[in-house]
Amino acid sequence: SARTHGLASVQRGVFTQGAEPFRYLRPLGAHLFLSANGADVSEALAM
């Protein structure tokens, strides 16, 4: 979908099949996490 919509540079990701994804923020080198899910945002902030 990213390629179809002109976001070909979006090429990295982690899909955890239900597990909490936050342990991957550091290995991905993320500076900011964005989500529409308020609970996920709160968990990332708490970490």
All heavy atoms as atom14 arrays in JSON, in Angstrom:
{
  "sequence": "SARTHGLASVQRGVFTQGAEPFRYLRPLGAHLFLSANGADVSEALAM",
  "atom14_mask": [
    [1, 1, 1, 1, 1, 1, 0, 0, 0, 0, 0, 0, 0, 0],
    [1, 1, 1, 1, 1, 0, 0, 0, 0, 0, 0, 0, 0, 0],
    [1, 1, 1, 1, 1, 1, 1, 1, 1, 1, 1, 0, 0, 0],
    [1, 1, 1, 1, 1, 1, 1, 0, 0, 0, 0, 0, 0, 0],
    [1, 1, 1, 1, 1, 1, 1, 1, 1, 1, 0, 0, 0, 0],
    [1, 1, 1, 1, 0, 0, 0, 0, 0, 0, 0, 0, 0, 0],
    [1, 1, 1, 1, 1, 1, 1, 1, 0, 0, 0, 0, 0, 0],
    [1, 1, 1, 1, 1, 0, 0, 0, 0, 0, 0, 0, 0, 0],
    [1, 1, 1, 1, 1, 1, 0, 0, 0, 0, 0, 0, 0, 0],
    [1, 1, 1, 1, 1, 1, 1, 0, 0, 0, 0, 0, 0, 0],
    [1, 1, 1, 1, 1, 1, 1, 1, 1, 0, 0, 0, 0, 0],
    [1, 1, 1, 1, 1, 1, 1, 1, 1, 1, 1, 0, 0, 0],
    [1, 1, 1, 1, 0, 0, 0, 0, 0, 0, 0, 0, 0, 0],
    [1, 1, 1, 1, 1, 1, 1, 0, 0, 0, 0, 0, 0, 0],
    [1, 1, 1, 1, 1, 1, 1, 1, 1, 1, 1, 0, 0, 0],
    [1, 1, 1, 1, 1, 1, 1, 0, 0, 0, 0, 0, 0, 0],
    [1, 1, 1, 1, 1, 1, 1, 1, 1, 0, 0, 0, 0, 0],
    [1, 1, 1, 1, 0, 0, 0, 0, 0, 0, 0, 0, 0, 0],
    [1, 1, 1, 1, 1, 0, 0, 0, 0, 0, 0, 0, 0, 0],
    [1, 1, 1, 1, 1, 1, 1, 1, 1, 0, 0, 0, 0, 0],
    [1, 1, 1, 1, 1, 1, 1, 0, 0, 0, 0, 0, 0, 0],
    [1, 1, 1, 1, 1, 1, 1, 1, 1, 1, 1, 0, 0, 0],
    [1, 1, 1, 1, 1, 1, 1, 1, 1, 1, 1, 0, 0, 0],
    [1, 1, 1, 1, 1, 1, 1, 1, 1, 1, 1, 1, 0, 0],
    [1, 1, 1, 1, 1, 1, 1, 1, 0, 0, 0, 0, 0, 0],
    [1, 1, 1, 1, 1, 1, 1, 1, 1, 1, 1, 0, 0, 0],
    [1, 1, 1, 1, 1, 1, 1, 0, 0, 0, 0, 0, 0, 0],
    [1, 1, 1, 1, 1, 1, 1, 1, 0, 0, 0, 0, 0, 0],
    [1, 1, 1, 1, 0, 0, 0, 0, 0, 0, 0, 0, 0, 0],
    [1, 1, 1, 1, 1, 0, 0, 0, 0, 0, 0, 0, 0, 0],
    [1, 1, 1, 1, 1, 1, 1, 1, 1, 1, 0, 0, 0, 0],
    [1, 1, 1, 1, 1, 1, 1, 1, 0, 0, 0, 0, 0, 0],
    [1, 1, 1, 1, 1, 1, 1, 1, 1, 1, 1, 0, 0, 0],
    [1, 1, 1, 1, 1, 1, 1, 1, 0, 0, 0, 0, 0, 0],
    [1, 1, 1, 1, 1, 1, 0, 0, 0, 0, 0, 0, 0, 0],
    [1, 1, 1, 1, 1, 0, 0, 0, 0, 0, 0, 0, 0, 0],
    [1, 1, 1, 1, 1, 1, 1, 1, 0, 0, 0, 0, 0, 0],
    [1, 1, 1, 1, 0, 0, 0, 0, 0, 0, 0, 0, 0, 0],
    [1, 1, 1, 1, 1, 0, 0, 0, 0, 0, 0, 0, 0, 0],
    [1, 1, 1, 1, 1, 1, 1, 1, 0, 0, 0, 0, 0, 0],
    [1, 1, 1, 1, 1, 1, 1, 0, 0, 0, 0, 0, 0, 0],
    [1, 1, 1, 1, 1, 1, 0, 0, 0, 0, 0, 0, 0, 0],
    [1, 1, 1, 1, 1, 1, 1, 1, 1, 0, 0, 0, 0, 0],
    [1, 1, 1, 1, 1, 0, 0, 0, 0, 0, 0, 0, 0, 0],
    [1, 1, 1, 1, 1, 1, 1, 1, 0, 0, 0, 0, 0, 0],
    [1, 1, 1, 1, 1, 0, 0, 0, 0, 0, 0, 0, 0, 0],
    [1, 1, 1, 1, 1, 1, 1, 1, 0, 0, 0, 0, 0, 0]
  ],
  "atom14_positions": [
    [[0.84, -1.2, 0.0], [0.0, 0.0, 0.0], [0.87, 1.25, 0.0], [0.56, 2.23, -0.69], [-0.94, 0.01, 1.21], [-1.83, -1.08, 1.17], [0.0, 0.0, 0.0], [0.0, 0.0, 0.0], [0.0, 0.0, 0.0], [0.0, 0.0, 0.0], [0.0, 0.0, 0.0], [0.0, 0.0, 0.0], [0.0, 0.0, 0.0], [0.0, 0.0, 0.0]],
    [[1.96, 1.21, 0.76], [2.87, 2.37, 0.81], [3.42, 2.66, -0.58], [3.43, 3.82, -1.02], [4.0, 2.11, 1.81], [0.0, 0.0, 0.0], [0.0, 0.0, 0.0], [0.0, 0.0, 0.0], [0.0, 0.0, 0.0], [0.0, 0.0, 0.0], [0.0, 0.0, 0.0], [0.0, 0.0, 0.0], [0.0, 0.0, 0.0], [0.0, 0.0, 0.0]],
    [[3.87, 1.63, -1.28], [4.39, 1.84, -2.64], [3.31, 2.4, -3.56], [3.55, 3.33, -4.32], [4.94, 0.53, -3.22], [6.32, 0.18, -2.73], [6.96, -0.93, -3.55], [6.12, -2.11, -3.71], [6.06, -3.12, -2.87], [6.8, -3.11, -1.77], [5.29, -4.16, -3.1], [0.0, 0.0, 0.0], [0.0, 0.0, 0.0], [0.0, 0.0, 0.0]],
    [[2.11, 1.84, -3.49], [1.01, 2.29, -4.34], [0.68, 3.75, -4.1], [0.38, 4.5, -5.03], [-0.25, 1.42, -4.1], [0.06, 0.07, -4.44], [-1.43, 1.91, -4.92], [0.0, 0.0, 0.0], [0.0, 0.0, 0.0], [0.0, 0.0, 0.0], [0.0, 0.0, 0.0], [0.0, 0.0, 0.0], [0.0, 0.0, 0.0], [0.0, 0.0, 0.0]],
    [[0.75, 4.19, -2.84], [0.39, 5.56, -2.48], [1.58, 6.52, -2.51], [1.5, 7.63, -1.97], [-0.26, 5.6, -1.1], [-1.64, 5.0, -1.06], [-2.72, 5.58, -1.68], [-2.1, 3.88, -0.46], [-3.79, 4.84, -1.48], [-3.44, 3.8, -0.74], [0.0, 0.0, 0.0], [0.0, 0.0, 0.0], [0.0, 0.0, 0.0], [0.0, 0.0, 0.0]],
    [[2.68, 6.1, -3.12], [3.82, 7.01, -3.29], [4.75, 7.11, -2.1], [5.5, 8.08, -2.0], [0.0, 0.0, 0.0], [0.0, 0.0, 0.0], [0.0, 0.0, 0.0], [0.0, 0.0, 0.0], [0.0, 0.0, 0.0], [0.0, 0.0, 0.0], [0.0, 0.0, 0.0], [0.0, 0.0, 0.0], [0.0, 0.0, 0.0], [0.0, 0.0, 0.0]],
    [[4.72, 6.14, -1.21], [5.6, 6.14, -0.04], [6.62, 5.01, -0.15], [6.83, 4.24, 0.78], [4.8, 5.99, 1.25], [3.75, 7.06, 1.55], [3.03, 6.74, 2.86], [4.37, 8.43, 1.59], [0.0, 0.0, 0.0], [0.0, 0.0, 0.0], [0.0, 0.0, 0.0], [0.0, 0.0, 0.0], [0.0, 0.0, 0.0], [0.0, 0.0, 0.0]],
    [[7.27, 4.92, -1.3], [8.21, 3.83, -1.55], [9.38, 3.83, -0.57], [10.01, 2.79, -0.35], [8.72, 3.9, -2.98], [0.0, 0.0, 0.0], [0.0, 0.0, 0.0], [0.0, 0.0, 0.0], [0.0, 0.0, 0.0], [0.0, 0.0, 0.0], [0.0, 0.0, 0.0], [0.0, 0.0, 0.0], [0.0, 0.0, 0.0], [0.0, 0.0, 0.0]],
    [[9.68, 4.97, 0.04], [10.8, 5.01, 0.98], [10.46, 4.37, 2.33], [11.36, 4.15, 3.15], [11.28, 6.45, 1.18], [10.29, 7.21, 1.84], [0.0, 0.0, 0.0], [0.0, 0.0, 0.0], [0.0, 0.0, 0.0], [0.0, 0.0, 0.0], [0.0, 0.0, 0.0], [0.0, 0.0, 0.0], [0.0, 0.0, 0.0], [0.0, 0.0, 0.0]],
    [[9.2, 4.05, 2.58], [8.81, 3.34, 3.81], [9.11, 1.87, 3.56], [8.34, 1.17, 2.88], [7.33, 3.57, 4.17], [6.95, 2.77, 5.41], [7.06, 5.05, 4.39], [0.0, 0.0, 0.0], [0.0, 0.0, 0.0], [0.0, 0.0, 0.0], [0.0, 0.0, 0.0], [0.0, 0.0, 0.0], [0.0, 0.0, 0.0], [0.0, 0.0, 0.0]],
    [[10.25, 1.41, 4.09], [10.72, 0.06, 3.78], [11.08, -0.78, 4.98], [11.36, -1.96, 4.86], [11.95, 0.14, 2.86], [11.65, 0.78, 1.55], [12.87, 0.83, 0.65], [13.96, 0.39, 1.01], [12.7, 1.39, -0.52], [0.0, 0.0, 0.0], [0.0, 0.0, 0.0], [0.0, 0.0, 0.0], [0.0, 0.0, 0.0], [0.0, 0.0, 0.0]],
    [[11.09, -0.18, 6.17], [11.43, -0.94, 7.37], [10.23, -1.0, 8.28], [9.45, -0.07, 8.36], [12.59, -0.29, 8.14], [13.91, -0.39, 7.45], [15.09, -0.07, 8.37], [14.94, 1.14, 9.16], [15.41, 1.27, 10.4], [16.03, 0.28, 11.01], [15.27, 2.41, 11.04], [0.0, 0.0, 0.0], [0.0, 0.0, 0.0], [0.0, 0.0, 0.0]],
    [[10.1, -2.13, 8.99], [9.01, -2.25, 9.94], [9.12, -3.51, 10.76], [9.87, -4.43, 10.42], [0.0, 0.0, 0.0], [0.0, 0.0, 0.0], [0.0, 0.0, 0.0], [0.0, 0.0, 0.0], [0.0, 0.0, 0.0], [0.0, 0.0, 0.0], [0.0, 0.0, 0.0], [0.0, 0.0, 0.0], [0.0, 0.0, 0.0], [0.0, 0.0, 0.0]],
    [[8.38, -3.54, 11.84], [8.29, -4.69, 12.72], [6.81, -4.97, 12.94], [6.05, -4.07, 13.29], [8.99, -4.43, 14.07], [8.79, -5.59, 15.02], [10.46, -4.15, 13.86], [0.0, 0.0, 0.0], [0.0, 0.0, 0.0], [0.0, 0.0, 0.0], [0.0, 0.0, 0.0], [0.0, 0.0, 0.0], [0.0, 0.0, 0.0], [0.0, 0.0, 0.0]],
    [[6.43, -6.23, 12.74], [5.05, -6.66, 12.92], [5.07, -7.79, 13.94], [5.59, -8.86, 13.67], [4.45, -7.09, 11.58], [4.42, -5.95, 10.6], [5.52, -5.65, 9.82], [3.3, -5.15, 10.51], [5.51, -4.57, 8.95], [3.27, -4.07, 9.64], [4.38, -3.78, 8.86], [0.0, 0.0, 0.0], [0.0, 0.0, 0.0], [0.0, 0.0, 0.0]],
    [[4.52, -7.53, 15.13], [4.72, -8.41, 16.28], [3.62, -9.44, 16.51], [3.69, -10.19, 17.48], [4.86, -7.57, 17.56], [3.63, -6.89, 17.81], [6.01, -6.58, 17.44], [0.0, 0.0, 0.0], [0.0, 0.0, 0.0], [0.0, 0.0, 0.0], [0.0, 0.0, 0.0], [0.0, 0.0, 0.0], [0.0, 0.0, 0.0], [0.0, 0.0, 0.0]],
    [[2.62, -9.47, 15.67], [1.51, -10.42, 15.77], [0.88, -10.43, 17.17], [0.73, -11.44, 17.8], [1.96, -11.82, 15.36], [0.8, -12.71, 15.0], [1.21, -13.83, 14.04], [2.31, -13.85, 13.51], [0.31, -14.74, 13.83], [0.0, 0.0, 0.0], [0.0, 0.0, 0.0], [0.0, 0.0, 0.0], [0.0, 0.0, 0.0], [0.0, 0.0, 0.0]],
    [[0.56, -9.23, 17.64], [-0.15, -9.08, 18.9], [0.72, -8.72, 20.09], [0.23, -8.2, 21.08], [0.0, 0.0, 0.0], [0.0, 0.0, 0.0], [0.0, 0.0, 0.0], [0.0, 0.0, 0.0], [0.0, 0.0, 0.0], [0.0, 0.0, 0.0], [0.0, 0.0, 0.0], [0.0, 0.0, 0.0], [0.0, 0.0, 0.0], [0.0, 0.0, 0.0]],
    [[2.0, -8.98, 20.02], [2.9, -8.66, 21.15], [3.18, -7.16, 21.18], [3.08, -6.47, 20.17], [4.21, -9.43, 21.02], [0.0, 0.0, 0.0], [0.0, 0.0, 0.0], [0.0, 0.0, 0.0], [0.0, 0.0, 0.0], [0.0, 0.0, 0.0], [0.0, 0.0, 0.0], [0.0, 0.0, 0.0], [0.0, 0.0, 0.0], [0.0, 0.0, 0.0]],
    [[3.55, -6.68, 22.35], [3.89, -5.25, 22.49], [5.07, -4.92, 21.59], [6.11, -5.59, 21.66], [4.2, -4.92, 23.94], [2.98, -4.96, 24.83], [3.29, -4.49, 26.24], [4.47, -4.29, 26.57], [2.34, -4.33, 27.0], [0.0, 0.0, 0.0], [0.0, 0.0, 0.0], [0.0, 0.0, 0.0], [0.0, 0.0, 0.0], [0.0, 0.0, 0.0]],
    [[4.95, -3.9, 20.77], [6.01, -3.58, 19.82], [7.1, -2.65, 20.35], [8.1, -2.43, 19.69], [5.24, -2.89, 18.69], [4.1, -2.23, 19.38], [3.72, -3.14, 20.53], [0.0, 0.0, 0.0], [0.0, 0.0, 0.0], [0.0, 0.0, 0.0], [0.0, 0.0, 0.0], [0.0, 0.0, 0.0], [0.0, 0.0, 0.0], [0.0, 0.0, 0.0]],
    [[6.94, -2.14, 21.56], [7.79, -1.04, 22.04], [9.25, -1.42, 22.23], [10.12, -0.57, 22.17], [7.21, -0.44, 23.31], [5.76, -0.12, 23.16], [4.8, -0.85, 23.81], [5.35, 0.87, 22.29], [3.45, -0.59, 23.63], [4.01, 1.15, 22.09], [3.06, 0.41, 22.77], [0.0, 0.0, 0.0], [0.0, 0.0, 0.0], [0.0, 0.0, 0.0]],
    [[9.51, -2.71, 22.46], [10.91, -3.1, 22.64], [11.74, -2.92, 21.37], [12.96, -2.99, 21.39], [10.99, -4.54, 23.13], [10.51, -5.55, 22.12], [10.63, -6.95, 22.65], [10.14, -7.87, 21.64], [9.66, -9.04, 21.9], [9.57, -9.45, 23.14], [9.25, -9.83, 20.94], [0.0, 0.0, 0.0], [0.0, 0.0, 0.0], [0.0, 0.0, 0.0]],
    [[11.07, -2.65, 20.26], [11.77, -2.45, 18.98], [12.06, -0.98, 18.69], [12.73, -0.67, 17.7], [10.96, -3.05, 17.83], [10.81, -4.55, 17.96], [9.66, -5.11, 18.5], [11.85, -5.4, 17.58], [9.53, -6.48, 18.63], [11.73, -6.77, 17.72], [10.56, -7.31, 18.24], [10.45, -8.67, 18.39], [0.0, 0.0, 0.0], [0.0, 0.0, 0.0]],
    [[11.58, -0.08, 19.51], [11.83, 1.35, 19.26], [13.32, 1.66, 19.24], [13.82, 2.33, 18.34], [11.12, 2.22, 20.29], [9.6, 2.34, 20.11], [8.96, 2.95, 21.35], [9.27, 3.15, 18.88], [0.0, 0.0, 0.0], [0.0, 0.0, 0.0], [0.0, 0.0, 0.0], [0.0, 0.0, 0.0], [0.0, 0.0, 0.0], [0.0, 0.0, 0.0]],
    [[14.05, 1.16, 20.21], [15.49, 1.43, 20.28], [16.24, 0.78, 19.12], [17.02, 1.44, 18.45], [16.06, 0.99, 21.64], [17.46, 1.52, 21.88], [17.99, 1.32, 23.29], [17.11, 1.42, 24.43], [16.54, 2.51, 24.95], [16.72, 3.6, 24.45], [15.77, 2.51, 25.99], [0.0, 0.0, 0.0], [0.0, 0.0, 0.0], [0.0, 0.0, 0.0]],
    [[16.04, -0.53, 18.83], [16.76, -1.12, 17.7], [16.44, -0.45, 16.35], [17.29, -0.41, 15.47], [16.3, -2.58, 17.69], [15.86, -2.85, 19.08], [15.31, -1.54, 19.6], [0.0, 0.0, 0.0], [0.0, 0.0, 0.0], [0.0, 0.0, 0.0], [0.0, 0.0, 0.0], [0.0, 0.0, 0.0], [0.0, 0.0, 0.0], [0.0, 0.0, 0.0]],
    [[15.23, 0.07, 16.2], [14.89, 0.77, 14.97], [15.51, 2.16, 14.9], [15.5, 2.8, 13.85], [13.37, 0.89, 14.82], [12.62, -0.4, 14.48], [11.11, -0.19, 14.63], [12.96, -0.87, 13.08], [0.0, 0.0, 0.0], [0.0, 0.0, 0.0], [0.0, 0.0, 0.0], [0.0, 0.0, 0.0], [0.0, 0.0, 0.0], [0.0, 0.0, 0.0]],
    [[16.03, 2.63, 16.03], [16.61, 3.97, 16.07], [15.55, 5.06, 16.08], [15.8, 6.19, 15.66], [0.0, 0.0, 0.0], [0.0, 0.0, 0.0], [0.0, 0.0, 0.0], [0.0, 0.0, 0.0], [0.0, 0.0, 0.0], [0.0, 0.0, 0.0], [0.0, 0.0, 0.0], [0.0, 0.0, 0.0], [0.0, 0.0, 0.0], [0.0, 0.0, 0.0]],
    [[14.35, 4.73, 16.56], [13.23, 5.68, 16.53], [13.43, 6.83, 17.5], [13.84, 6.63, 18.64], [11.93, 4.96, 16.84], [0.0, 0.0, 0.0], [0.0, 0.0, 0.0], [0.0, 0.0, 0.0], [0.0, 0.0, 0.0], [0.0, 0.0, 0.0], [0.0, 0.0, 0.0], [0.0, 0.0, 0.0], [0.0, 0.0, 0.0], [0.0, 0.0, 0.0]],
    [[13.13, 8.02, 17.03], [13.16, 9.22, 17.86], [11.76, 9.6, 18.33], [11.6, 10.36, 19.28], [13.74, 10.4, 17.08], [15.14, 10.18, 16.64], [15.49, 9.93, 15.34], [16.29, 10.14, 17.36], [16.79, 9.76, 15.26], [17.3, 9.88, 16.47], [0.0, 0.0, 0.0], [0.0, 0.0, 0.0], [0.0, 0.0, 0.0], [0.0, 0.0, 0.0]],
    [[10.74, 9.09, 17.62], [9.35, 9.45, 17.91], [8.45, 8.3, 17.49], [8.66, 7.7, 16.44], [8.96, 10.72, 17.14], [7.52, 11.21, 17.24], [7.18, 11.61, 18.69], [7.3, 12.39, 16.3], [0.0, 0.0, 0.0], [0.0, 0.0, 0.0], [0.0, 0.0, 0.0], [0.0, 0.0, 0.0], [0.0, 0.0, 0.0], [0.0, 0.0, 0.0]],
    [[7.45, 7.99, 18.33], [6.45, 6.98, 18.01], [5.11, 7.67, 17.85], [4.68, 8.41, 18.73], [6.39, 5.92, 19.11], [5.28, 4.92, 18.93], [5.24, 4.09, 17.82], [4.27, 4.82, 19.87], [4.2, 3.17, 17.65], [3.24, 3.9, 19.72], [3.2, 3.07, 18.61], [0.0, 0.0, 0.0], [0.0, 0.0, 0.0], [0.0, 0.0, 0.0]],
    [[4.43, 7.42, 16.72], [3.11, 7.99, 16.45], [2.08, 6.88, 16.32], [2.33, 5.88, 15.64], [3.13, 8.8, 15.16], [4.08, 9.99, 15.1], [4.08, 10.59, 13.69], [3.7, 11.02, 16.14], [0.0, 0.0, 0.0], [0.0, 0.0, 0.0], [0.0, 0.0, 0.0], [0.0, 0.0, 0.0], [0.0, 0.0, 0.0], [0.0, 0.0, 0.0]],
    [[0.94, 7.07, 16.96], [-0.13, 6.07, 16.88], [-1.47, 6.75, 17.09], [-1.55, 7.79, 17.75], [0.08, 5.01, 17.97], [-0.99, 4.08, 17.96], [0.0, 0.0, 0.0], [0.0, 0.0, 0.0], [0.0, 0.0, 0.0], [0.0, 0.0, 0.0], [0.0, 0.0, 0.0], [0.0, 0.0, 0.0], [0.0, 0.0, 0.0], [0.0, 0.0, 0.0]],
    [[-2.5, 6.17, 16.53], [-3.86, 6.64, 16.79], [-4.41, 6.01, 18.06], [-5.47, 6.4, 18.55], [-4.77, 6.3, 15.6], [0.0, 0.0, 0.0], [0.0, 0.0, 0.0], [0.0, 0.0, 0.0], [0.0, 0.0, 0.0], [0.0, 0.0, 0.0], [0.0, 0.0, 0.0], [0.0, 0.0, 0.0], [0.0, 0.0, 0.0], [0.0, 0.0, 0.0]],
    [[-3.67, 5.06, 18.64], [-4.1, 4.36, 19.85], [-3.48, 5.02, 21.08], [-2.27, 4.94, 21.3], [-3.67, 2.89, 19.74], [-4.14, 2.06, 20.9], [-3.98, 2.44, 22.05], [-4.7, 0.91, 20.6], [0.0, 0.0, 0.0], [0.0, 0.0, 0.0], [0.0, 0.0, 0.0], [0.0, 0.0, 0.0], [0.0, 0.0, 0.0], [0.0, 0.0, 0.0]],
    [[-4.31, 5.67, 21.86], [-3.85, 6.39, 23.04], [-3.16, 5.51, 24.06], [-2.18, 5.93, 24.69], [0.0, 0.0, 0.0], [0.0, 0.0, 0.0], [0.0, 0.0, 0.0], [0.0, 0.0, 0.0], [0.0, 0.0, 0.0], [0.0, 0.0, 0.0], [0.0, 0.0, 0.0], [0.0, 0.0, 0.0], [0.0, 0.0, 0.0], [0.0, 0.0, 0.0]],
    [[-3.62, 4.27, 24.23], [-3.01, 3.37, 25.2], [-1.58, 3.0, 24.78], [-0.68, 2.94, 25.62], [-3.86, 2.1, 25.36], [0.0, 0.0, 0.0], [0.0, 0.0, 0.0], [0.0, 0.0, 0.0], [0.0, 0.0, 0.0], [0.0, 0.0, 0.0], [0.0, 0.0, 0.0], [0.0, 0.0, 0.0], [0.0, 0.0, 0.0], [0.0, 0.0, 0.0]],
    [[-1.39, 2.78, 23.49], [-0.03, 2.47, 23.01], [0.9, 3.66, 23.21], [2.07, 3.49, 23.58], [-0.06, 2.08, 21.54], [-0.54, 0.65, 21.32], [-0.77, -0.07, 22.31], [-0.69, 0.25, 20.15], [0.0, 0.0, 0.0], [0.0, 0.0, 0.0], [0.0, 0.0, 0.0], [0.0, 0.0, 0.0], [0.0, 0.0, 0.0], [0.0, 0.0, 0.0]],
    [[0.4, 4.85, 22.96], [1.21, 6.05, 23.17], [1.58, 6.18, 24.64], [2.74, 6.45, 24.97], [0.47, 7.31, 22.66], [1.16, 8.58, 23.12], [0.35, 7.27, 21.14], [0.0, 0.0, 0.0], [0.0, 0.0, 0.0], [0.0, 0.0, 0.0], [0.0, 0.0, 0.0], [0.0, 0.0, 0.0], [0.0, 0.0, 0.0], [0.0, 0.0, 0.0]],
    [[0.63, 5.96, 25.53], [0.9, 6.04, 26.97], [1.96, 5.03, 27.39], [2.84, 5.34, 28.2], [-0.38, 5.8, 27.77], [-1.28, 6.86, 27.56], [0.0, 0.0, 0.0], [0.0, 0.0, 0.0], [0.0, 0.0, 0.0], [0.0, 0.0, 0.0], [0.0, 0.0, 0.0], [0.0, 0.0, 0.0], [0.0, 0.0, 0.0], [0.0, 0.0, 0.0]],
    [[1.89, 3.8, 26.84], [2.89, 2.78, 27.18], [4.28, 3.2, 26.72], [5.26, 3.03, 27.44], [2.52, 1.45, 26.54], [1.45, 0.7, 27.3], [1.28, -0.72, 26.78], [2.28, -1.47, 26.74], [0.15, -1.06, 26.42], [0.0, 0.0, 0.0], [0.0, 0.0, 0.0], [0.0, 0.0, 0.0], [0.0, 0.0, 0.0], [0.0, 0.0, 0.0]],
    [[4.36, 3.73, 25.49], [5.67, 4.16, 24.98], [6.23, 5.29, 25.83], [7.42, 5.3, 26.16], [5.55, 4.59, 23.52], [0.0, 0.0, 0.0], [0.0, 0.0, 0.0], [0.0, 0.0, 0.0], [0.0, 0.0, 0.0], [0.0, 0.0, 0.0], [0.0, 0.0, 0.0], [0.0, 0.0, 0.0], [0.0, 0.0, 0.0], [0.0, 0.0, 0.0]],
    [[5.38, 6.22, 26.22], [5.83, 7.33, 27.07], [6.31, 6.82, 28.42], [7.33, 7.28, 28.93], [4.69, 8.34, 27.26], [4.35, 9.2, 26.05], [3.04, 9.95, 26.29], [5.47, 10.17, 25.74], [0.0, 0.0, 0.0], [0.0, 0.0, 0.0], [0.0, 0.0, 0.0], [0.0, 0.0, 0.0], [0.0, 0.0, 0.0], [0.0, 0.0, 0.0]],
    [[5.59, 5.85, 28.99], [5.98, 5.29, 30.29], [7.33, 4.59, 30.21], [8.06, 4.53, 31.2], [4.91, 4.31, 30.78], [0.0, 0.0, 0.0], [0.0, 0.0, 0.0], [0.0, 0.0, 0.0], [0.0, 0.0, 0.0], [0.0, 0.0, 0.0], [0.0, 0.0, 0.0], [0.0, 0.0, 0.0], [0.0, 0.0, 0.0], [0.0, 0.0, 0.0]],
    [[7.68, 4.11, 29.03], [8.97, 3.45, 28.84], [10.07, 4.45, 28.51], [11.21, 4.07, 28.28], [8.86, 2.41, 27.74], [7.95, 1.24, 28.11], [7.72, 0.08, 26.74], [9.35, -0.63, 26.63], [0.0, 0.0, 0.0], [0.0, 0.0, 0.0], [0.0, 0.0, 0.0], [0.0, 0.0, 0.0], [0.0, 0.0, 0.0], [0.0, 0.0, 0.0]]
  ]
}
